[in-house]
Amino acid sequence: MADPWRLIVEDSDDPVFHLASLEAVWRSLDEGPAPETMILRRLSPCVLLGASQEAAREVALGECSTRGIPVLRRPSEGGAIYCDRNCLLFSIVCRRRGSLGASPEEVLTGWANVLIEAFERLGMPSGACFARPNDIAIAEKKVAGLTMTDWYGIRSVSGSVLIDADLETMAAVLTPNPEKLGRHGAARIADRVTTLRHCVSPELTPAAVSEALIAVVAAKCGITFRPEPLPARDLETAQTLRKQKYGHPSWNRVAAVQEESLEET
């Protein structure tokens, strides 16, 4: 049996702290003392940009400001996503030993299959599939997304699962390229996404989704989990990164009206 993995279920719903704490975990694994880790969290409403995206092209910044929704930049690539408490975010953080030869597509395909098995455990009907490059879809609608990052000696796979969705807010704050929607046969965001509650049960809870995901990861990886809080060392690193990077305008590169609010946090 492999050594237990650390399971961190974040108490904070602060999206800036989430981004900072994720990099803190990356650092602790890269430097050696921490075990492989799975992180689960749900955030207050926010938009998370991919690391290389231009905010003005992907997001209605004025609408976000009016609604008090922060626009933040992830350390990972991928598309802009809207998150709230009905979206489950997870990250798997491992050292890259033995996996350096695996292509990003192989890694994402493998973890997409983990998500699909977890959804089936919850009662999702057959038909969910990996929609390349990084979505899990059912009936051609996105229900989850994945991203992978290699960072020095670690590999991180993160995902967002739409347990439910405030489609009105999502459509108001995200401005995807119409051509991108068209490639998926959609004219608007509501045509492009679905939710687990729609596919499985209106009563489906975040706790049930978390439990299914944990169980499938444990079975697939042949591991056990040891629940732990974020250790003091990582918490200190996260607080520094929160102030100097993820809460700072120079990292997020968004409109001045939001930069002022970020500086106050």
Protein backbone atom coordinates (compact mmCIF):
# COMPACT_ATOMS: atom_id res chain seq x y z
CA MET A 1 0.00 0.00 0.00
CA ALA A 2 1.33 3.42 -0.94
CA ASP A 3 1.88 6.10 1.68
CA PRO A 4 -1.31 7.98 2.59
CA TRP A 5 -2.08 11.11 0.65
CA ARG A 6 -2.97 14.30 2.46
CA LEU A 7 -6.59 15.45 2.00
CA ILE A 8 -7.17 19.16 2.54
CA VAL A 9 -10.77 20.39 2.54
CA GLU A 10 -10.44 24.16 2.62
CA ASP A 11 -12.65 26.04 5.06
CA SER A 12 -12.11 29.42 3.39
CA ASP A 13 -14.25 30.38 0.39
CA ASP A 14 -11.90 33.27 -0.42
CA PRO A 15 -10.78 32.81 -4.06
CA VAL A 16 -7.57 34.83 -3.58
CA PHE A 17 -6.56 32.63 -0.66
CA HIS A 18 -7.42 29.52 -2.68
CA LEU A 19 -4.99 30.47 -5.46
CA ALA A 20 -2.27 31.36 -2.96
CA SER A 21 -2.73 28.18 -0.93
CA LEU A 22 -2.56 26.03 -4.06
CA GLU A 23 0.85 27.43 -4.95
CA ALA A 24 1.91 27.03 -1.30
CA VAL A 25 1.12 23.30 -1.58
CA TRP A 26 3.03 23.13 -4.88
CA ARG A 27 6.04 24.63 -3.16
CA SER A 28 5.89 22.32 -0.15
CA LEU A 29 5.80 19.22 -2.36
CA ASP A 30 8.53 20.51 -4.64
CA GLU A 31 10.78 21.18 -1.66
CA GLY A 32 10.24 17.72 -0.26
CA PRO A 33 8.56 17.45 3.13
CA ALA A 34 4.89 17.21 2.13
CA PRO A 35 3.00 14.12 0.93
CA GLU A 36 1.01 13.90 -2.29
CA THR A 37 -2.10 16.00 -1.75
CA MET A 38 -5.70 16.34 -2.83
CA ILE A 39 -7.41 19.68 -2.16
CA LEU A 40 -11.16 20.31 -2.26
CA ARG A 41 -12.82 23.70 -1.99
CA ARG A 42 -15.88 25.77 -2.90
CA LEU A 43 -15.52 29.50 -3.46
CA SER A 44 -17.56 32.65 -3.20
CA PRO A 45 -18.52 34.03 -6.64
CA CYS A 46 -15.49 34.82 -8.79
CA VAL A 47 -14.08 34.54 -12.29
CA LEU A 48 -10.80 32.64 -12.66
CA LEU A 49 -8.76 33.38 -15.77
CA GLY A 50 -6.20 31.06 -17.31
CA ALA A 51 -2.63 32.19 -16.72
CA SER A 52 -2.14 33.60 -20.24
CA GLN A 53 -5.59 34.99 -20.93
CA GLU A 54 -6.38 38.64 -21.55
CA ALA A 55 -9.12 39.67 -19.13
CA ALA A 56 -10.84 42.15 -21.46
CA ARG A 57 -11.28 39.47 -24.14
CA GLU A 58 -12.78 36.86 -21.82
CA VAL A 59 -14.74 38.76 -19.20
CA ALA A 60 -17.29 41.58 -18.97
CA LEU A 61 -15.21 43.56 -16.50
CA GLY A 62 -17.80 46.28 -15.94
CA GLU A 63 -20.47 43.68 -15.18
CA CYS A 64 -18.15 41.93 -12.74
CA SER A 65 -17.46 45.23 -11.00
CA THR A 66 -21.18 46.04 -10.75
CA ARG A 67 -21.90 42.61 -9.28
CA GLY A 68 -18.88 42.66 -6.95
CA ILE A 69 -17.35 39.58 -8.59
CA PRO A 70 -13.53 39.55 -8.53
CA VAL A 71 -11.60 38.55 -11.65
CA LEU A 72 -8.46 36.63 -10.71
CA ARG A 73 -5.69 34.86 -12.58
CA ARG A 74 -4.85 31.20 -11.95
CA PRO A 75 -1.28 29.91 -12.07
CA SER A 76 -2.52 27.26 -14.54
CA GLU A 77 -3.58 27.60 -18.17
CA GLY A 78 -7.06 26.96 -19.52
CA GLY A 79 -10.17 29.01 -20.14
CA ALA A 80 -11.97 31.54 -17.98
CA ILE A 81 -14.50 30.00 -15.60
CA TYR A 82 -17.17 31.39 -13.31
CA CYS A 83 -17.23 29.76 -9.86
CA ASP A 84 -19.54 30.01 -6.89
CA ARG A 85 -20.54 27.80 -3.97
CA ASN A 86 -22.27 25.37 -6.35
CA CYS A 87 -18.99 24.61 -8.12
CA LEU A 88 -16.62 22.06 -6.60
CA LEU A 89 -12.94 22.72 -7.30
CA PHE A 90 -10.29 20.08 -6.73
CA SER A 91 -6.55 19.79 -7.20
CA ILE A 92 -4.32 16.72 -7.21
CA VAL A 93 -0.70 17.64 -6.48
CA CYS A 94 1.98 14.96 -6.95
CA ARG A 95 5.69 14.77 -7.55
CA ARG A 96 6.54 14.05 -11.16
CA ARG A 97 8.68 11.00 -10.51
CA GLY A 98 7.78 8.24 -12.94
CA SER A 99 5.33 10.41 -14.87
CA LEU A 100 7.65 12.62 -16.90
CA GLY A 101 6.95 10.64 -20.08
CA ALA A 102 3.17 10.99 -19.86
CA SER A 103 1.81 13.56 -22.28
CA PRO A 104 -0.66 16.20 -21.04
CA GLU A 105 -3.37 14.51 -23.13
CA GLU A 106 -2.71 11.15 -21.44
CA VAL A 107 -2.79 12.77 -18.00
CA LEU A 108 -6.01 14.68 -18.67
CA THR A 109 -7.66 11.65 -20.25
CA GLY A 110 -6.83 9.56 -17.18
CA TRP A 111 -8.23 12.11 -14.75
CA ALA A 112 -11.29 12.70 -16.93
CA ASN A 113 -12.02 8.98 -16.59
CA VAL A 114 -11.72 9.33 -12.82
CA LEU A 115 -14.32 12.11 -12.87
CA ILE A 116 -16.63 10.15 -15.15
CA GLU A 117 -16.49 7.14 -12.82
CA ALA A 118 -17.25 9.37 -9.84
CA PHE A 119 -20.24 10.85 -11.69
CA GLU A 120 -21.50 7.38 -12.57
CA ARG A 121 -21.20 6.41 -8.91
CA LEU A 122 -23.54 9.31 -8.17
CA GLY A 123 -26.08 7.99 -10.67
CA MET A 124 -25.23 9.85 -13.86
CA PRO A 125 -26.56 7.94 -16.88
CA SER A 126 -24.06 6.53 -19.33
CA GLY A 127 -22.79 8.81 -22.03
CA ALA A 128 -20.41 11.12 -20.21
CA CYS A 129 -17.16 11.47 -22.15
CA PHE A 130 -13.87 13.33 -22.31
CA ALA A 131 -14.36 16.20 -24.78
CA ARG A 132 -10.83 17.22 -25.75
CA PRO A 133 -8.89 19.20 -24.96
CA ASN A 134 -10.02 19.45 -21.34
CA ASP A 135 -13.79 19.08 -20.76
CA ILE A 136 -16.04 16.33 -19.47
CA ALA A 137 -19.36 16.47 -21.28
CA ILE A 138 -22.69 14.71 -21.29
CA ALA A 139 -25.08 15.08 -24.21
CA GLU A 140 -22.44 17.41 -25.70
CA LYS A 141 -22.71 19.85 -22.77
CA LYS A 142 -19.84 20.61 -20.41
CA VAL A 143 -20.27 19.48 -16.81
CA ALA A 144 -16.63 19.71 -15.68
CA GLY A 145 -13.25 20.97 -16.86
CA LEU A 146 -9.62 20.06 -16.21
CA THR A 147 -6.21 21.70 -16.42
CA MET A 148 -2.69 20.35 -15.85
CA THR A 149 0.42 22.19 -14.72
CA ASP A 150 4.02 20.97 -14.49
CA TRP A 151 5.80 23.23 -12.00
CA TYR A 152 9.43 22.36 -11.28
CA GLY A 153 9.28 18.91 -9.64
CA ILE A 154 5.51 18.65 -9.23
CA ARG A 155 2.52 17.95 -11.43
CA SER A 156 -0.84 19.46 -10.56
CA VAL A 157 -4.18 18.48 -12.09
CA SER A 158 -7.07 20.76 -11.18
CA GLY A 159 -10.71 20.59 -12.08
CA SER A 160 -14.02 22.38 -11.71
CA VAL A 161 -17.27 20.45 -11.38
CA LEU A 162 -20.62 22.15 -12.01
CA ILE A 163 -22.83 20.70 -9.32
CA ASP A 164 -25.27 23.48 -10.09
CA ALA A 165 -24.85 26.71 -12.04
CA ASP A 166 -26.11 30.27 -11.91
CA LEU A 167 -26.34 30.46 -15.69
CA GLU A 168 -27.65 34.03 -15.68
CA THR A 169 -24.58 35.30 -13.82
CA MET A 170 -22.24 33.05 -15.80
CA ALA A 171 -23.60 34.40 -19.09
CA ALA A 172 -23.41 37.98 -17.84
CA VAL A 173 -19.77 37.89 -16.73
CA LEU A 174 -18.12 35.59 -19.28
CA THR A 175 -17.67 36.68 -22.89
CA PRO A 176 -16.40 33.63 -24.79
CA ASN A 177 -15.53 34.00 -28.45
CA PRO A 178 -18.65 33.14 -30.52
CA GLU A 179 -16.46 30.99 -32.75
CA LYS A 180 -15.44 28.93 -29.73
CA LEU A 181 -19.08 28.38 -28.77
CA GLY A 182 -19.89 27.58 -32.40
CA ARG A 183 -17.33 24.78 -32.46
CA HIS A 184 -19.44 23.11 -29.78
CA GLY A 185 -22.68 23.75 -31.63
CA ALA A 186 -23.74 26.43 -29.15
CA ALA A 187 -24.93 30.00 -29.65
CA ARG A 188 -24.81 30.96 -25.96
CA ILE A 189 -23.34 29.72 -22.70
CA ALA A 190 -26.62 28.11 -21.61
CA ASP A 191 -26.39 25.85 -24.68
CA ARG A 192 -22.84 24.83 -23.77
CA VAL A 193 -23.05 23.74 -20.12
CA THR A 194 -25.08 21.47 -17.88
CA THR A 195 -24.92 20.45 -14.22
CA LEU A 196 -24.77 17.32 -12.13
CA ARG A 197 -28.03 18.24 -10.44
CA HIS A 198 -29.69 18.38 -13.85
CA CYS A 199 -28.18 15.04 -14.91
CA VAL A 200 -28.38 13.13 -11.64
CA SER A 201 -30.68 14.62 -9.01
CA PRO A 202 -31.85 18.08 -7.93
CA GLU A 203 -31.02 17.07 -4.35
CA LEU A 204 -27.37 16.19 -5.08
CA THR A 205 -25.09 17.77 -2.46
CA PRO A 206 -21.48 19.00 -2.70
CA ALA A 207 -20.60 16.57 0.10
CA ALA A 208 -21.86 13.62 -1.95
CA VAL A 209 -19.83 14.73 -4.99
CA SER A 210 -16.72 15.15 -2.84
CA GLU A 211 -17.15 11.70 -1.28
CA ALA A 212 -17.58 10.04 -4.68
CA LEU A 213 -14.49 11.75 -6.06
CA ILE A 214 -12.37 10.84 -3.03
CA ALA A 215 -13.50 7.19 -3.22
CA VAL A 216 -12.69 6.84 -6.92
CA VAL A 217 -9.28 8.56 -6.62
CA ALA A 218 -8.40 6.26 -3.70
CA ALA A 219 -9.43 3.16 -5.65
CA LYS A 220 -7.75 4.17 -8.91
CA CYS A 221 -4.49 5.22 -7.26
CA GLY A 222 -4.44 2.43 -4.64
CA ILE A 223 -4.09 4.89 -1.77
CA THR A 224 -5.71 6.04 1.43
CA PHE A 225 -6.30 9.63 2.48
CA ARG A 226 -5.32 11.33 5.72
CA PRO A 227 -7.47 14.46 6.32
CA GLU A 228 -5.36 17.41 7.48
CA PRO A 229 -5.70 21.19 7.67
CA LEU A 230 -3.31 23.33 5.69
CA PRO A 231 -0.13 23.17 7.83
CA ALA A 232 1.26 26.32 9.44
CA ARG A 233 4.25 26.39 7.07
CA ASP A 234 2.00 26.37 3.98
CA LEU A 235 -0.42 28.81 5.58
CA GLU A 236 2.39 31.31 6.11
CA THR A 237 3.53 30.88 2.50
CA ALA A 238 -0.06 31.31 1.28
CA GLN A 239 -0.52 34.55 3.20
CA THR A 240 2.65 35.95 1.62
CA LEU A 241 1.58 34.86 -1.87
CA ARG A 242 -1.88 36.29 -1.29
CA LYS A 243 -0.45 39.71 -0.57
CA GLN A 244 2.43 39.80 -3.03
CA LYS A 245 1.00 37.88 -5.99
CA TYR A 246 -2.58 36.63 -6.28
CA GLY A 247 -4.20 39.65 -4.64
CA HIS A 248 -1.94 42.12 -6.44
CA PRO A 249 -3.00 44.05 -9.56
CA SER A 250 0.26 43.34 -11.40
CA TRP A 251 -0.53 39.60 -11.39
CA ASN A 252 -4.21 39.84 -12.22
CA ARG A 253 -3.82 42.62 -14.84
CA VAL A 254 -7.47 43.66 -14.82
CA ALA A 255 -9.36 46.96 -14.89
CA ALA A 256 -8.29 49.75 -12.55
CA VAL A 257 -11.63 49.71 -10.71
CA GLN A 258 -10.94 46.14 -9.61
CA GLU A 259 -7.28 46.80 -8.88
CA GLU A 260 -8.32 49.26 -6.20
CA SER A 261 -10.58 46.72 -4.50
CA LEU A 262 -7.90 44.02 -4.60
CA GLU A 263 -5.41 46.31 -2.94
CA GLU A 264 -7.81 46.74 -0.04
CA THR A 265 -8.14 42.98 0.66
